[in-house]
Protein backbone atom coordinates (compact mmCIF):
# COMPACT_ATOMS: atom_id res chain seq x y z
CA UNK A 1 69.67 25.97 -139.34
CA UNK A 2 70.71 26.26 -135.69
CA UNK A 3 68.74 24.24 -133.15
CA UNK A 4 67.95 27.54 -131.41
CA UNK A 5 67.45 31.06 -132.66
CA UNK A 6 70.48 33.32 -133.02
CA UNK A 7 70.74 35.70 -130.03
CA UNK A 8 71.03 39.43 -130.71
CA UNK A 9 71.31 42.00 -127.90
CA UNK A 10 70.32 45.68 -127.95
CA UNK A 11 69.89 48.38 -125.32
CA UNK A 12 71.21 48.32 -121.79
CA UNK A 13 72.84 50.78 -119.42
CA UNK A 14 76.29 51.67 -118.15
CA UNK A 15 77.54 51.13 -114.60
CA UNK A 16 75.84 54.36 -113.48
CA UNK A 17 72.43 53.42 -114.94
CA UNK A 18 72.58 55.69 -117.98
CA UNK A 19 70.73 54.38 -121.03
CA UNK A 20 72.96 53.05 -123.83
CA UNK A 21 70.38 52.73 -126.62
CA UNK A 22 70.29 55.10 -129.60
CA UNK A 23 68.37 55.73 -132.80
CA UNK A 24 69.80 52.59 -134.37
CA UNK A 25 68.38 50.46 -131.51
CA UNK A 26 64.84 51.58 -132.27
CA UNK A 27 65.38 51.31 -136.02
CA UNK A 28 66.48 47.69 -135.62
CA UNK A 29 63.21 46.88 -133.85
CA UNK A 30 61.14 48.68 -136.47
CA UNK A 31 62.75 46.78 -139.35
CA UNK A 32 62.62 43.47 -137.48
CA UNK A 33 58.92 44.02 -136.79
CA UNK A 34 58.22 44.70 -140.45
CA UNK A 35 59.97 41.51 -141.55
CA UNK A 36 57.69 39.32 -139.40
CA UNK A 37 60.47 36.84 -138.53
CA UNK A 38 61.43 34.88 -135.40
CA UNK A 39 65.15 34.51 -136.01
CA UNK A 40 67.30 36.18 -134.73
CA UNK A 41 65.89 36.28 -131.22
CA UNK A 42 66.32 39.83 -129.92
CA UNK A 43 67.25 40.32 -126.27
CA UNK A 44 66.49 43.79 -124.93
CA UNK A 45 68.45 44.83 -121.86
CA UNK A 46 65.92 46.46 -119.52
CA UNK A 47 66.69 48.99 -116.77
CA UNK A 48 64.80 51.76 -114.97
CA UNK A 49 66.05 54.47 -117.33
CA UNK A 50 65.33 52.59 -120.54
CA UNK A 51 64.23 54.69 -123.51
CA UNK A 52 60.44 54.63 -123.34
CA UNK A 53 59.97 54.56 -127.12
CA UNK A 54 62.24 51.53 -127.38
CA UNK A 55 60.49 49.70 -124.55
CA UNK A 56 57.00 50.57 -125.82
CA UNK A 57 57.91 49.25 -129.26
CA UNK A 58 59.31 46.04 -127.77
CA UNK A 59 56.28 45.21 -125.62
CA UNK A 60 53.90 46.01 -128.49
CA UNK A 61 55.81 43.49 -130.63
CA UNK A 62 55.53 40.90 -127.87
CA UNK A 63 51.81 41.58 -127.59
CA UNK A 64 51.32 41.10 -131.34
CA UNK A 65 53.00 37.70 -131.13
CA UNK A 66 54.84 37.82 -134.44
CA UNK A 67 58.40 38.28 -133.18
CA UNK A 68 60.90 36.71 -130.81
CA UNK A 69 61.70 39.24 -128.09
CA UNK A 70 63.22 38.54 -124.67
CA UNK A 71 63.51 41.10 -121.86
CA UNK A 72 66.69 40.80 -119.78
CA UNK A 73 66.91 42.68 -116.46
CA UNK A 74 70.22 44.56 -116.27
CA UNK A 75 70.07 44.90 -112.49
CA UNK A 76 69.58 41.17 -111.99
CA UNK A 77 72.52 40.40 -114.28
CA UNK A 78 74.77 42.96 -112.58
CA UNK A 79 73.95 41.53 -109.14
CA UNK A 80 74.61 38.01 -110.39
CA UNK A 81 78.03 39.03 -111.64
CA UNK A 82 78.76 40.87 -108.39
CA UNK A 83 78.17 37.61 -106.50
CA UNK A 84 80.97 36.18 -108.66
CA UNK A 85 83.24 39.10 -107.79
CA UNK A 86 82.83 40.86 -111.16
CA UNK A 87 82.17 44.63 -110.91
CA UNK A 88 79.67 46.63 -112.93
CA UNK A 89 82.52 48.40 -114.69
CA UNK A 90 82.99 45.11 -116.56
CA UNK A 91 79.56 43.50 -116.48
CA UNK A 92 77.95 46.57 -118.09
CA UNK A 93 79.30 45.24 -121.38
CA UNK A 94 77.40 41.95 -121.24
CA UNK A 95 75.46 40.51 -124.16
CA UNK A 96 73.49 37.28 -124.48
CA UNK A 97 75.14 34.03 -125.48
CA UNK A 98 73.01 31.03 -126.50
CA UNK A 99 69.45 31.04 -125.17
CA UNK A 100 69.48 33.54 -122.27
CA UNK A 101 72.97 33.34 -120.78
CA UNK A 102 74.82 36.63 -120.27
CA UNK A 103 78.52 36.94 -120.95
CA UNK A 104 80.84 39.93 -121.05
CA UNK A 105 81.97 40.55 -124.59
CA UNK A 106 85.72 40.43 -125.10
CA UNK A 107 86.81 39.65 -121.53
CA UNK A 108 84.77 36.62 -120.45
CA UNK A 109 84.81 33.06 -121.71
CA UNK A 110 81.53 31.44 -120.69
CA UNK A 111 80.97 27.72 -121.24
CA UNK A 112 77.25 27.19 -120.82
CA UNK A 113 75.55 23.81 -120.43
CA UNK A 114 78.81 22.01 -119.74
CA UNK A 115 76.81 19.51 -117.67
CA UNK A 116 73.18 18.81 -116.76
CA UNK A 117 71.86 18.08 -113.29
CA UNK A 118 68.34 16.74 -112.66
CA UNK A 119 67.03 17.48 -109.18
CA UNK A 120 64.01 15.11 -109.45
CA UNK A 121 66.39 12.29 -110.36
CA UNK A 122 68.38 12.96 -107.22
CA UNK A 123 65.16 12.85 -105.20
CA UNK A 124 64.57 9.36 -106.63
CA UNK A 125 68.05 8.35 -105.51
CA UNK A 126 67.26 9.62 -102.02
CA UNK A 127 64.12 7.48 -101.81
CA UNK A 128 65.96 4.39 -103.05
CA UNK A 129 69.18 4.39 -101.04
CA UNK A 130 71.14 6.20 -103.74
CA UNK A 131 70.21 3.69 -106.44
CA UNK A 132 68.71 4.44 -109.84
CA UNK A 133 65.01 3.59 -110.22
CA UNK A 134 65.45 2.23 -113.77
CA UNK A 135 68.50 -0.03 -113.57
CA UNK A 136 69.19 -0.39 -109.84
CA UNK A 137 72.74 0.92 -110.15
CA UNK A 138 74.29 2.74 -107.21
CA UNK A 139 74.64 6.30 -108.53
CA UNK A 140 74.56 8.39 -105.37
CA UNK A 141 76.14 7.29 -102.10
CA UNK A 142 74.48 4.39 -100.26
CA UNK A 143 71.95 5.84 -97.81
CA UNK A 144 69.14 4.63 -95.61
CA UNK A 145 65.56 4.16 -96.85
CA UNK A 146 63.77 4.27 -93.51
CA UNK A 147 63.12 7.72 -92.05
CA UNK A 148 61.59 8.83 -88.77
CA UNK A 149 60.60 12.32 -89.97
CA UNK A 150 60.42 14.49 -93.04
CA UNK A 151 63.38 16.49 -91.75
CA UNK A 152 65.35 13.23 -91.59
CA UNK A 153 64.45 12.49 -95.21
CA UNK A 154 65.17 16.06 -96.34
CA UNK A 155 68.65 15.86 -94.82
CA UNK A 156 69.41 12.77 -96.92
CA UNK A 157 68.07 14.46 -100.05
CA UNK A 158 70.25 17.53 -99.50
CA UNK A 159 73.27 15.29 -98.85
CA UNK A 160 72.64 13.33 -102.06
CA UNK A 161 72.19 16.63 -103.90
CA UNK A 162 75.53 17.94 -102.63
CA UNK A 163 77.20 14.64 -103.53
CA UNK A 164 75.94 14.85 -107.09
CA UNK A 165 76.71 18.59 -107.44
CA UNK A 166 80.31 17.91 -106.37
CA UNK A 167 80.51 15.07 -108.92
CA UNK A 168 79.08 17.29 -111.68
CA UNK A 169 81.41 20.20 -110.94
CA UNK A 170 84.39 17.84 -110.96
CA UNK A 171 83.22 16.39 -114.28
CA UNK A 172 82.84 19.87 -115.83
CA UNK A 173 86.28 20.95 -114.68
CA UNK A 174 87.96 17.82 -116.07
CA UNK A 175 86.06 18.28 -119.33
CA UNK A 176 87.30 21.87 -119.59
CA UNK A 177 90.96 20.90 -119.58
CA UNK A 178 90.61 18.77 -122.72
CA UNK A 179 88.34 21.17 -124.62
CA UNK A 180 91.18 22.58 -126.72
CA UNK A 181 92.15 19.08 -127.85
CA UNK A 182 88.57 18.17 -128.72
CA UNK A 183 87.34 21.48 -130.10
CA UNK A 184 90.08 24.06 -130.81
CA UNK A 185 88.75 27.45 -131.91
CA UNK A 186 91.57 29.35 -133.64
CA UNK A 187 89.34 31.75 -135.62
CA UNK A 188 87.25 32.77 -132.60
CA UNK A 189 90.39 32.99 -130.45
CA UNK A 190 92.02 35.31 -132.99
CA UNK A 191 89.28 37.91 -132.37
CA UNK A 192 90.21 38.27 -128.69
CA UNK A 193 93.15 40.41 -127.54
CA UNK A 194 94.21 38.23 -124.62
CA UNK A 195 94.22 35.07 -126.72
CA UNK A 196 96.53 36.75 -129.24
CA UNK A 197 98.78 38.29 -126.62
CA UNK A 198 99.17 35.00 -124.73
CA UNK A 199 99.14 32.74 -127.80
CA UNK A 200 96.46 30.55 -126.26
CA UNK A 201 93.19 29.05 -127.47
CA UNK A 202 89.96 30.36 -125.95
CA UNK A 203 89.36 26.95 -124.29
CA UNK A 204 92.63 27.26 -122.36
CA UNK A 205 90.99 29.99 -120.25
CA UNK A 206 93.25 32.96 -121.09
CA UNK A 207 90.65 35.72 -120.60
CA UNK A 208 90.11 37.95 -117.58
CA UNK A 209 87.02 35.94 -116.60
CA UNK A 210 86.55 32.24 -117.39
CA UNK A 211 83.29 30.72 -116.20
CA UNK A 212 81.64 27.33 -116.57
CA UNK A 213 77.87 26.96 -116.39
CA UNK A 214 75.92 23.90 -115.26
CA UNK A 215 72.24 23.45 -116.12
CA UNK A 216 70.22 22.58 -113.02
CA UNK A 217 66.63 21.67 -113.88
CA UNK A 218 63.49 20.30 -112.27
CA UNK A 219 63.45 22.71 -109.31
CA UNK A 220 59.66 23.21 -109.37
CA UNK A 221 59.09 19.48 -109.81
CA UNK A 222 61.32 18.56 -106.90
CA UNK A 223 59.65 21.15 -104.62
CA UNK A 224 56.20 19.78 -105.54
CA UNK A 225 57.46 16.25 -104.92
CA UNK A 226 58.95 17.08 -101.53
CA UNK A 227 55.68 18.75 -100.50
CA UNK A 228 53.73 15.64 -101.57
CA UNK A 229 56.07 13.35 -99.61
CA UNK A 230 55.80 15.54 -96.52
CA UNK A 231 51.99 15.64 -96.73
CA UNK A 232 51.11 12.03 -97.55
CA UNK A 233 53.98 10.12 -95.92
CA UNK A 234 54.93 12.10 -92.82
CA UNK A 235 52.07 14.47 -91.95
CA UNK A 236 48.95 12.45 -92.81
CA UNK A 237 50.70 9.02 -92.84
CA UNK A 238 48.49 7.74 -95.66
CA UNK A 239 51.42 5.85 -97.22
CA UNK A 240 54.80 4.60 -96.22
CA UNK A 241 57.72 6.02 -98.19
CA UNK A 242 58.20 2.69 -99.96
CA UNK A 243 54.49 2.62 -100.92
CA UNK A 244 54.75 6.19 -102.15
CA UNK A 245 57.86 5.22 -104.11
CA UNK A 246 56.05 2.31 -105.78
């Protein structure tokens, strides 16, 4: 009775691109297909050397529409970890946590969705001097509402966005330090070597890698909105920004 389906990862490759699936991987898919169920949600780690029988079976199940299969690109995940300074020697062991979030089993503590950030909401702040459209409260920093050009407006939006990102990151970090007090996890912690060796709870960040994730949403909406503002307010001058805002 989880609010989302239980994630279950199969397949993948090692740091050199060699396929890590085996007969059991394919057998899991065959049995899952025969059960006609949607939970667990199976994530299949895709790479260029993936076993063709496994991949063919997976895409046929997707096509039939009676399963819950997600394809995760190993190369994209490896590159993402490399941007964080984590080598493939470690990231090759990733599985999926939650909906689609990768984490490295046994050596990474990954707190996903520790905060939510709405980009369209920040665009509203930028059009209204940093104030909320619903209650008039000053949420972002106080900024001007009269702009000579779209570039002038875009600069304010990006500044408000940075202001709110900094606030959100600070909030997430402060939240992390009290996680053990609010939600200690002794049973989970006891399954991890470093937690046992250091005598620390998982939320005290004892593992080799400890990462916090923030959900940023509304990217497509905010791009569409910026394009509309540029077109109707600044390029064609059909409306003033305040008229557009109303």
